[in-house]
Amino acid sequence: MVIIVDYKNALRGIFMFFMMTVLCREQDTYASVVKQMSGDLSFRYQDFVNNVGGVEGNKWWGELNFIYDDKEPFVDHEAKFDFTARYNDAGGFEWALREGQITYLREYSEFSMGLIVFKWSEIDRIWGLGKINNRVNIDYFNPGQSGLPGFRFNQRLAKSLEIETYASFLYIPELNPSYKINKEEGTVVSKNPWAPPPEQETTITSGGEPKKIFYHVFVPDFADIILKLSAGFNIRYSFFENLHLSGFYLQKPENNLSNTAKLEINSNTLQPNIYVTPRLYYHEIWGGQITYETKTKQIQLYTSYLSSKPDSKPENKDVVEAGGFPFQLEKQQEEYWGTGLIYLFLGGSIHIGQLSRVSTFNDNSVLSKKPRWGEAANLSLVYNFYPNLSFFTEIFYDYSNHDRLFSVDLTYVLNQSLALSLGANVLTSPQNGVGFWNPFKANDSIYAKLGLVF
């Protein structure tokens, strides 16, 4: 059971204050800002067919996407601000700042500060593993990436060698999907179809009436959550202009808080009470990638390895008591191999990839969540038929447990300002499926979307 406690509202406030402070350091003229802005405001409806898209929170939504990208020639700095927000039919409002940073450029070095997306691993990005960067996670069909807060320094040491370092004193976990907690009523409610709420009732005695579960969520001190250190580096060596080898190491808190829960039953009233304690765990991430690209960069081949291992920080050594006996909670190591091909052509791109989880997964672990993928393949295609007509399709197939995700979208832009999209998201999993995607089988859709593009 995963519960995001209500100190997230405070985290969101700190998050926005931190990012706006960073971005406001540069005094751009209004004309320059207007030239660099883009985005869309859209409404999407997907409750056309019975038994498809009928889940609360998945019938319709309104969405805002806004990007400010300041990148000009002969200027020694760049800035980017990428924001998205969504409001759905269940009254759920979720947002994410994908990226918000300023980069200062020198001849052989770069310095960035703010919310930074690290391009260290293709498999972390494509497969939504969420080990290096945070995920947007408003929609699991498109988990997206949200950067890490902190400072980045990139230095070219030689023509073929460069090192990138990262450091941060601020920890911001993934903000989505979120839960709403009512402390007075002891309830935990979800307004997102990708966040199943915990059980609301339980039966104490055989044949007895169901009893409402009262949730007590412990809220830790604010400083104990956000003031955490992170550090890492990535070294990249180019054998030739088109053959690159990189390796990275990163030590930081996990992108999600974990929770432990203890059940107590009042002996007089038989009232079930569940006490939830959020816990923060550090982990060590390392891996590498070898990439080959043609001189025109039209074809790219990559092979990646990524490992996430629970670290030995004090936060990982908390002892939990059950029935008066202390025991240690253990996290599990995750390891992935992946390879793929990216082909860029006039008007579009193709990606063909494969991912293998080489580590085992123990279902009896109290804290570890089910991995999204085991042995899986991916195919995606983007093609622009005309400047105002585009097509997108993507399929993920996990042949270890037969989970499938399929997406298709056709978008037509009218007068460069109004866009109409038709598409579908399909999720299938065996009836007795045991994979990550099985609980979300009802979250498919056939949709129409109307958007204002700017």
Protein backbone atom coordinates (compact mmCIF):
# COMPACT_ATOMS: atom_id res chain seq x y z
CA MET A 1 0.00 0.00 0.00
CA VAL A 2 1.38 3.40 -0.99
CA ILE A 3 -0.02 6.56 0.58
CA ILE A 4 1.20 10.06 -0.17
CA VAL A 5 0.59 12.10 2.96
CA ASP A 6 -0.75 15.64 2.93
CA TYR A 7 2.55 17.40 3.50
CA LYS A 8 2.75 17.24 -0.30
CA ASN A 9 0.90 20.55 -0.46
CA ALA A 10 3.78 22.14 1.43
CA LEU A 11 6.27 20.38 -0.84
CA ARG A 12 4.48 21.80 -3.86
CA GLY A 13 4.76 25.31 -2.41
CA ILE A 14 8.49 24.96 -1.68
CA PHE A 15 8.93 23.42 -5.13
CA MET A 16 7.38 26.37 -6.97
CA PHE A 17 9.14 28.96 -4.77
CA PHE A 18 12.51 27.29 -5.43
CA MET A 19 11.95 27.16 -9.20
CA MET A 20 10.62 30.70 -9.57
CA THR A 21 13.54 32.03 -7.52
CA VAL A 22 15.97 30.34 -9.89
CA LEU A 23 14.22 31.41 -13.08
CA CYS A 24 13.74 35.02 -12.02
CA ARG A 25 17.50 35.53 -11.75
CA GLU A 26 17.56 36.37 -15.45
CA GLN A 27 15.91 39.65 -16.53
CA ASP A 28 14.62 38.83 -20.05
CA THR A 29 12.68 41.35 -22.04
CA TYR A 30 8.99 40.69 -22.67
CA ALA A 31 9.62 40.41 -26.42
CA SER A 32 12.21 37.70 -25.90
CA VAL A 33 9.89 35.73 -23.63
CA VAL A 34 7.04 35.82 -26.15
CA LYS A 35 9.27 34.42 -28.87
CA GLN A 36 10.22 31.40 -26.79
CA MET A 37 6.83 30.38 -25.39
CA SER A 38 4.75 27.44 -26.66
CA GLY A 39 2.12 25.06 -25.37
CA ASP A 40 -1.52 24.09 -25.53
CA LEU A 41 -4.76 24.21 -23.57
CA SER A 42 -6.99 21.21 -24.32
CA PHE A 43 -10.09 19.25 -23.35
CA ARG A 44 -10.19 15.48 -23.80
CA TYR A 45 -13.31 13.28 -23.63
CA GLN A 46 -13.06 9.48 -23.59
CA ASP A 47 -16.33 8.02 -22.30
CA PHE A 48 -17.83 7.18 -25.71
CA VAL A 49 -18.01 3.39 -25.35
CA ASN A 50 -19.46 1.28 -22.52
CA ASN A 51 -16.79 -0.52 -20.46
CA VAL A 52 -14.06 1.61 -22.07
CA GLY A 53 -12.82 4.69 -20.22
CA GLY A 54 -15.61 4.57 -17.64
CA VAL A 55 -13.36 4.70 -14.58
CA GLU A 56 -13.77 7.78 -12.37
CA GLY A 57 -11.05 10.24 -13.22
CA ASN A 58 -10.63 8.69 -16.67
CA LYS A 59 -13.80 9.96 -18.40
CA TRP A 60 -12.60 13.43 -19.31
CA TRP A 61 -9.99 15.98 -18.36
CA GLY A 62 -8.70 19.44 -19.15
CA GLU A 63 -4.96 19.94 -19.54
CA LEU A 64 -2.46 22.78 -19.80
CA ASN A 65 1.06 22.41 -21.18
CA PHE A 66 3.43 25.37 -21.16
CA ILE A 67 7.06 25.56 -22.31
CA TYR A 68 9.44 28.50 -22.20
CA ASP A 69 12.70 27.62 -23.94
CA ASP A 70 15.29 30.39 -24.21
CA LYS A 71 18.13 29.21 -26.44
CA GLU A 72 19.75 31.81 -28.69
CA PRO A 73 23.00 31.78 -30.69
CA PHE A 74 26.01 33.74 -29.41
CA VAL A 75 24.44 34.03 -25.93
CA ASP A 76 26.24 32.59 -22.92
CA HIS A 77 23.16 31.27 -21.12
CA GLU A 78 20.06 29.14 -21.71
CA ALA A 79 16.86 28.67 -19.73
CA LYS A 80 13.96 26.24 -19.84
CA PHE A 81 10.64 26.02 -18.02
CA ASP A 82 8.32 23.08 -18.81
CA PHE A 83 5.03 22.86 -16.89
CA THR A 84 1.94 20.63 -17.16
CA ALA A 85 -1.34 20.46 -15.20
CA ARG A 86 -4.51 18.38 -15.47
CA TYR A 87 -8.01 18.46 -13.93
CA ASN A 88 -10.22 15.36 -14.35
CA ASP A 89 -13.89 14.39 -13.93
CA ALA A 90 -13.32 13.06 -10.40
CA GLY A 91 -12.19 16.50 -9.22
CA GLY A 92 -8.54 15.50 -9.19
CA PHE A 93 -6.02 18.26 -9.91
CA GLU A 94 -2.41 17.28 -10.53
CA TRP A 95 0.53 19.17 -11.92
CA ALA A 96 4.23 18.76 -12.53
CA LEU A 97 7.18 20.95 -13.38
CA ARG A 98 9.06 18.76 -15.83
CA GLU A 99 12.03 21.07 -16.07
CA GLY A 100 13.00 24.52 -14.83
CA GLN A 101 16.65 25.49 -15.05
CA ILE A 102 19.21 28.04 -16.16
CA THR A 103 22.46 26.97 -17.83
CA TYR A 104 25.55 29.19 -18.10
CA LEU A 105 27.78 28.29 -21.05
CA ARG A 106 31.54 28.56 -21.35
CA GLU A 107 33.89 27.30 -24.03
CA TYR A 108 34.57 23.96 -22.34
CA SER A 109 32.08 23.88 -19.49
CA GLU A 110 28.44 24.33 -18.48
CA PHE A 111 26.84 25.13 -15.13
CA SER A 112 23.11 24.52 -14.52
CA MET A 113 20.89 25.23 -11.54
CA GLY A 114 17.22 24.47 -10.90
CA LEU A 115 15.17 21.43 -11.84
CA ILE A 116 17.36 19.38 -14.19
CA VAL A 117 16.61 16.33 -16.35
CA PHE A 118 19.69 14.07 -16.63
CA LYS A 119 20.11 12.24 -19.94
CA TRP A 120 22.25 9.45 -18.55
CA SER A 121 20.15 6.39 -19.40
CA GLU A 122 17.87 5.74 -22.37
CA ILE A 123 16.11 2.84 -20.66
CA ASP A 124 15.22 4.95 -17.62
CA ARG A 125 13.54 7.47 -19.96
CA ILE A 126 11.85 5.15 -22.47
CA TRP A 127 10.57 2.56 -20.00
CA GLY A 128 9.54 4.93 -17.21
CA LEU A 129 11.70 3.21 -14.58
CA GLY A 130 11.95 6.37 -12.48
CA LYS A 131 15.33 5.55 -10.97
CA ILE A 132 17.38 8.59 -12.04
CA ASN A 133 14.86 11.33 -12.85
CA ASN A 134 11.45 11.64 -11.25
CA ARG A 135 8.38 10.75 -13.31
CA VAL A 136 5.49 13.10 -14.07
CA ASN A 137 3.17 10.10 -13.53
CA ILE A 138 -0.11 11.93 -14.10
CA ASP A 139 -0.79 9.28 -16.75
CA TYR A 140 1.01 5.90 -16.73
CA PHE A 141 0.62 5.52 -20.51
CA ASN A 142 3.00 8.45 -20.75
CA PRO A 143 4.90 8.67 -17.43
CA GLY A 144 7.24 11.38 -18.71
CA GLN A 145 10.25 12.73 -16.84
CA SER A 146 10.55 15.41 -14.20
CA GLY A 147 13.98 16.66 -13.25
CA LEU A 148 15.89 16.67 -9.97
CA PRO A 149 16.49 19.89 -7.99
CA GLY A 150 20.08 20.93 -7.59
CA PHE A 151 23.24 21.95 -9.41
CA ARG A 152 24.94 20.43 -12.44
CA PHE A 153 28.48 21.07 -13.71
CA ASN A 154 29.76 19.67 -17.00
CA GLN A 155 33.44 19.92 -17.90
CA ARG A 156 35.16 18.80 -21.09
CA LEU A 157 38.56 17.50 -19.98
CA ALA A 158 39.80 16.58 -23.45
CA LYS A 159 38.46 16.33 -26.97
CA SER A 160 37.08 12.86 -26.27
CA LEU A 161 36.45 13.02 -22.51
CA GLU A 162 33.93 14.93 -20.39
CA ILE A 163 32.57 14.59 -16.88
CA GLU A 164 29.21 15.75 -15.55
CA THR A 165 28.63 16.16 -11.80
CA TYR A 166 25.47 16.72 -9.77
CA ALA A 167 24.86 17.84 -6.19
CA SER A 168 21.77 18.84 -4.22
CA PHE A 169 20.68 19.54 -0.67
CA LEU A 170 16.97 19.48 -1.54
CA TYR A 171 14.77 16.40 -1.99
CA ILE A 172 11.46 16.57 -3.83
CA PRO A 173 9.72 13.21 -4.39
CA GLU A 174 7.43 12.39 -7.28
CA LEU A 175 4.23 14.35 -6.73
CA ASN A 176 1.86 12.14 -8.72
CA PRO A 177 -0.42 10.30 -8.49
CA SER A 178 -1.51 11.80 -5.18
CA TYR A 179 -3.96 10.88 -2.40
CA LYS A 180 -6.16 13.10 -0.25
CA ILE A 181 -6.16 12.38 3.48
CA ASN A 182 -8.89 13.45 5.89
CA LYS A 183 -7.42 13.18 9.39
CA GLU A 184 -10.70 13.81 11.19
CA GLU A 185 -12.60 11.09 9.31
CA GLY A 186 -9.59 8.79 8.99
CA THR A 187 -10.02 8.32 5.24
CA VAL A 188 -7.62 8.07 2.31
CA VAL A 189 -9.17 8.98 -1.04
CA SER A 190 -7.81 8.88 -4.58
CA LYS A 191 -9.00 11.05 -7.46
CA ASN A 192 -6.64 9.53 -10.03
CA PRO A 193 -7.37 6.21 -11.80
CA TRP A 194 -3.69 5.26 -11.51
CA ALA A 195 -3.73 5.48 -7.69
CA PRO A 196 -6.00 2.75 -6.25
CA PRO A 197 -7.12 3.78 -2.74
CA PRO A 198 -6.52 1.40 0.17
CA GLU A 199 -9.32 -0.74 1.57
CA GLN A 200 -12.02 1.31 3.32
CA GLU A 201 -13.69 -1.56 5.21
CA THR A 202 -12.78 -4.95 6.64
CA THR A 203 -14.53 -7.83 8.41
CA ILE A 204 -13.16 -8.54 11.89
CA THR A 205 -15.02 -11.74 12.74
CA SER A 206 -16.31 -14.53 10.55
CA GLY A 207 -19.79 -13.59 9.33
CA GLY A 208 -19.63 -10.21 11.05
CA GLU A 209 -20.58 -6.83 9.64
CA PRO A 210 -17.89 -4.92 7.73
CA LYS A 211 -16.16 -2.29 9.84
CA LYS A 212 -14.86 1.02 8.53
CA ILE A 213 -11.07 1.29 8.71
CA PHE A 214 -9.74 4.43 10.41
CA TYR A 215 -6.38 5.55 9.00
CA HIS A 216 -3.89 7.40 11.20
CA VAL A 217 -1.13 8.89 9.03
CA PHE A 218 2.00 10.10 10.78
CA VAL A 219 3.32 13.32 9.24
CA PRO A 220 7.09 13.68 9.79
CA ASP A 221 8.81 17.01 10.26
CA PHE A 222 9.01 18.97 7.04
CA ALA A 223 12.78 19.45 7.27
CA ASP A 224 13.26 15.71 7.73
CA ILE A 225 11.82 15.18 4.26
CA ILE A 226 13.17 17.89 1.98
CA LEU A 227 16.63 18.55 3.44
CA LYS A 228 18.46 15.53 2.03
CA LEU A 229 21.75 15.32 0.18
CA SER A 230 22.20 13.86 -3.29
CA ALA A 231 25.33 13.57 -5.41
CA GLY A 232 26.48 11.81 -8.55
CA PHE A 233 28.55 11.94 -11.72
CA ASN A 234 28.57 10.73 -15.31
CA ILE A 235 31.77 10.18 -17.33
CA ARG A 236 31.54 10.05 -21.13
CA TYR A 237 34.35 8.95 -23.47
CA SER A 238 34.14 9.11 -27.25
CA PHE A 239 36.28 6.57 -29.09
CA PHE A 240 35.37 8.24 -32.35
CA GLU A 241 33.03 11.10 -33.20
CA ASN A 242 30.12 8.65 -33.41
CA LEU A 243 30.93 5.98 -30.77
CA HIS A 244 30.43 6.92 -27.12
CA LEU A 245 30.83 5.06 -23.83
CA SER A 246 29.46 6.49 -20.57
CA GLY A 247 29.20 5.39 -16.96
CA PHE A 248 27.36 6.98 -14.05
CA TYR A 249 26.97 6.74 -10.28
CA LEU A 250 24.34 8.47 -8.17
CA GLN A 251 23.47 8.34 -4.47
CA LYS A 252 20.16 9.92 -3.46
CA PRO A 253 16.81 9.23 -1.81
CA GLU A 254 14.40 7.10 -3.81
CA ASN A 255 12.00 9.06 -5.99
CA ASN A 256 9.04 7.80 -3.92
CA LEU A 257 8.50 7.62 -0.18
CA SER A 258 7.73 4.16 1.16
CA ASN A 259 5.17 3.45 3.87
CA THR A 260 4.82 0.93 6.64
CA ALA A 261 1.41 0.16 8.11
CA LYS A 262 0.40 -1.40 11.44
CA LEU A 263 -3.10 -2.73 12.15
CA GLU A 264 -4.63 -2.45 15.64
CA ILE A 265 -8.16 -3.49 16.62
CA ASN A 266 -9.95 -1.96 19.60
CA SER A 267 -10.89 -4.87 21.88
CA ASN A 268 -14.12 -3.19 23.01
CA THR A 269 -15.52 -1.66 19.81
CA LEU A 270 -13.69 -3.92 17.33
CA GLN A 271 -12.76 -0.72 15.48
CA PRO A 272 -9.87 -1.41 13.04
CA ASN A 273 -7.16 1.27 13.07
CA ILE A 274 -4.26 1.38 10.64
CA TYR A 275 -1.22 3.48 11.54
CA VAL A 276 0.79 4.56 8.48
CA THR A 277 4.38 5.80 8.75
CA PRO A 278 6.11 7.24 5.66
CA ARG A 279 9.75 6.22 5.37
CA LEU A 280 12.53 7.60 3.22
CA TYR A 281 15.12 5.23 1.77
CA TYR A 282 18.37 6.06 0.05
CA HIS A 283 19.63 4.04 -2.87
CA GLU A 284 22.74 3.85 -5.03
CA ILE A 285 22.29 3.95 -8.80
CA TRP A 286 24.98 3.06 -11.26
CA GLY A 287 25.18 1.91 -14.83
CA GLY A 288 26.48 2.70 -18.24
CA GLN A 289 25.61 3.07 -21.86
CA ILE A 290 27.33 2.60 -25.20
CA THR A 291 25.93 4.55 -28.12
CA TYR A 292 26.72 4.44 -31.82
CA GLU A 293 25.36 7.03 -34.24
CA THR A 294 25.90 7.69 -37.92
CA LYS A 295 27.61 10.91 -38.93
CA THR A 296 24.26 12.47 -39.78
CA LYS A 297 22.81 11.13 -36.49
CA GLN A 298 20.00 9.63 -38.53
CA ILE A 299 20.52 6.20 -36.95
CA GLN A 300 21.36 5.67 -33.27
CA LEU A 301 22.06 2.34 -31.57
CA TYR A 302 22.36 2.05 -27.80
CA THR A 303 22.87 -0.58 -25.11
CA SER A 304 22.26 0.37 -21.46
CA TYR A 305 22.67 -1.14 -18.01
CA LEU A 306 21.10 0.29 -14.85
CA SER A 307 21.23 -0.92 -11.26
CA SER A 308 19.38 0.45 -8.23
CA LYS A 309 20.66 -0.89 -4.90
CA PRO A 310 19.36 0.01 -1.41
CA ASP A 311 22.02 2.04 0.36
CA SER A 312 23.24 1.70 3.94
CA LYS A 313 22.24 5.18 5.07
CA PRO A 314 20.69 5.42 8.58
CA GLU A 315 17.25 6.00 7.05
CA ASN A 316 17.42 2.44 5.69
CA LYS A 317 18.04 0.87 9.10
CA ASP A 318 14.82 1.77 10.86
CA VAL A 319 13.45 -1.04 12.99
CA VAL A 320 9.72 -1.79 12.94
CA GLU A 321 7.84 -3.64 15.66
CA ALA A 322 5.06 -6.16 15.00
CA GLY A 323 3.49 -8.09 17.86
CA GLY A 324 6.16 -6.78 20.19
CA PHE A 325 8.99 -8.19 18.06
CA PRO A 326 11.36 -5.91 16.10
CA PHE A 327 12.25 -6.77 12.52
CA GLN A 328 14.20 -5.12 9.70
CA LEU A 329 12.48 -3.94 6.52
CA GLU A 330 14.45 -4.85 3.43
CA LYS A 331 14.42 -3.18 0.03
CA GLN A 332 15.30 -5.09 -3.10
CA GLN A 333 17.94 -4.41 -5.72
CA GLU A 334 16.78 -3.88 -9.29
CA GLU A 335 18.94 -4.45 -12.39
CA TYR A 336 18.04 -3.84 -16.03
CA TRP A 337 19.64 -4.38 -19.43
CA GLY A 338 18.22 -2.71 -22.48
CA THR A 339 19.04 -2.08 -26.10
CA GLY A 340 17.40 -0.20 -28.93
CA LEU A 341 17.54 1.53 -32.28
CA ILE A 342 16.36 5.07 -33.05
CA TYR A 343 15.86 5.99 -36.71
CA LEU A 344 15.22 9.62 -37.62
CA PHE A 345 13.83 10.36 -41.06
CA LEU A 346 12.25 13.28 -42.85
CA GLY A 347 8.97 13.89 -41.05
CA GLY A 348 9.27 11.40 -38.21
CA SER A 349 11.12 8.83 -36.12
CA ILE A 350 11.02 5.14 -35.17
CA HIS A 351 12.21 3.44 -31.98
CA ILE A 352 12.60 -0.32 -31.55
CA GLY A 353 13.77 -1.45 -28.12
CA GLN A 354 14.02 -4.32 -25.68
CA LEU A 355 14.33 -4.39 -21.87
CA SER A 356 15.28 -7.24 -19.52
CA ARG A 357 15.03 -7.16 -15.74
CA VAL A 358 17.93 -9.35 -14.71
CA SER A 359 17.25 -9.11 -10.96
CA THR A 360 14.66 -11.29 -9.23
CA PHE A 361 11.60 -9.89 -7.48
CA ASN A 362 10.27 -11.19 -4.15
CA ASP A 363 6.51 -10.70 -3.81
CA ASN A 364 6.78 -11.13 -0.04
CA SER A 365 8.79 -7.95 0.39
CA VAL A 366 6.88 -5.43 2.52
CA LEU A 367 8.28 -2.28 0.91
CA SER A 368 9.23 -3.12 -2.67
CA LYS A 369 6.74 -2.25 -5.40
CA LYS A 370 6.19 -4.47 -8.39
CA PRO A 371 8.53 -3.52 -11.25
CA ARG A 372 6.77 -2.14 -14.32
CA TRP A 373 8.54 -4.52 -16.71
CA GLY A 374 10.16 -7.93 -16.79
CA GLU A 375 11.10 -9.03 -20.33
CA ALA A 376 9.56 -6.54 -22.72
CA ALA A 377 9.74 -5.05 -26.22
CA ASN A 378 8.80 -1.60 -27.48
CA LEU A 379 7.95 -0.11 -30.87
CA SER A 380 7.05 3.54 -31.42
CA LEU A 381 6.46 5.59 -34.56
CA VAL A 382 5.99 9.33 -35.06
CA TYR A 383 5.17 10.56 -38.56
CA ASN A 384 4.08 13.94 -39.90
CA PHE A 385 2.08 13.43 -43.09
CA TYR A 386 1.82 17.17 -43.64
CA PRO A 387 2.90 20.19 -41.55
CA ASN A 388 -0.53 20.13 -39.86
CA LEU A 389 -1.27 16.36 -39.75
CA SER A 390 0.69 14.02 -37.46
CA PHE A 391 0.42 10.36 -36.46
CA PHE A 392 1.77 8.59 -33.37
CA THR A 393 1.61 4.97 -32.26
CA GLU A 394 3.42 2.94 -29.60
CA ILE A 395 3.24 -0.56 -28.18
CA PHE A 396 4.85 -2.16 -25.13
CA TYR A 397 4.65 -5.93 -24.78
CA ASP A 398 5.93 -7.77 -21.71
CA TYR A 399 6.43 -11.36 -22.81
CA SER A 400 7.21 -12.52 -19.28
CA ASN A 401 3.63 -11.90 -18.07
CA HIS A 402 1.85 -10.91 -21.34
CA ASP A 403 0.96 -7.32 -20.34
CA ARG A 404 0.37 -5.05 -23.35
CA LEU A 405 0.08 -1.28 -23.72
CA PHE A 406 -0.96 0.15 -27.06
CA SER A 407 -1.45 3.81 -28.00
CA VAL A 408 -2.46 5.48 -31.25
CA ASP A 409 -3.13 9.18 -31.97
CA LEU A 410 -3.95 11.21 -35.06
CA THR A 411 -3.75 15.02 -34.72
CA TYR A 412 -4.81 17.73 -37.17
CA VAL A 413 -3.95 21.38 -36.56
CA LEU A 414 -6.33 24.01 -37.95
CA ASN A 415 -4.97 27.50 -38.72
CA GLN A 416 -1.90 26.81 -36.56
CA SER A 417 -3.94 27.44 -33.43
CA LEU A 418 -6.69 24.80 -33.06
CA ALA A 419 -5.86 21.09 -32.86
CA LEU A 420 -8.18 18.09 -33.06
CA SER A 421 -6.96 14.63 -31.97
CA LEU A 422 -8.55 11.19 -32.20
CA GLY A 423 -6.96 8.18 -30.58
CA ALA A 424 -7.01 5.23 -28.22
CA ASN A 425 -5.07 3.83 -25.28
CA VAL A 426 -5.43 0.08 -24.75
CA LEU A 427 -4.14 -1.91 -21.77
CA THR A 428 -4.54 -5.70 -21.68
CA SER A 429 -3.36 -8.19 -19.07
CA PRO A 430 -4.29 -11.86 -18.50
CA GLN A 431 -7.23 -12.47 -16.18
CA ASN A 432 -4.90 -14.14 -13.68
CA GLY A 433 -2.09 -11.68 -14.40
CA VAL A 434 0.46 -10.96 -11.70
CA GLY A 435 2.31 -8.06 -13.33
CA PHE A 436 2.40 -4.39 -12.45
CA TRP A 437 -0.26 -3.47 -15.02
CA ASN A 438 -2.97 -5.96 -14.04
CA PRO A 439 -4.81 -3.65 -11.54
CA PHE A 440 -5.15 -0.96 -14.23
CA LYS A 441 -6.87 -2.96 -16.98
CA ALA A 442 -9.93 -0.67 -16.88
CA ASN A 443 -7.86 2.45 -17.62
CA ASP A 444 -8.08 2.15 -21.40
CA SER A 445 -9.85 4.72 -23.58
CA ILE A 446 -11.08 5.84 -26.98
CA TYR A 447 -10.85 9.60 -27.04
CA ALA A 448 -11.34 12.86 -28.86
CA LYS A 449 -9.36 15.95 -27.88
CA LEU A 450 -9.76 19.59 -28.84
CA GLY A 451 -6.91 21.94 -28.03
CA LEU A 452 -5.84 25.54 -28.41
CA VAL A 453 -2.21 25.64 -29.53
CA PHE A 454 -0.03 28.67 -28.81
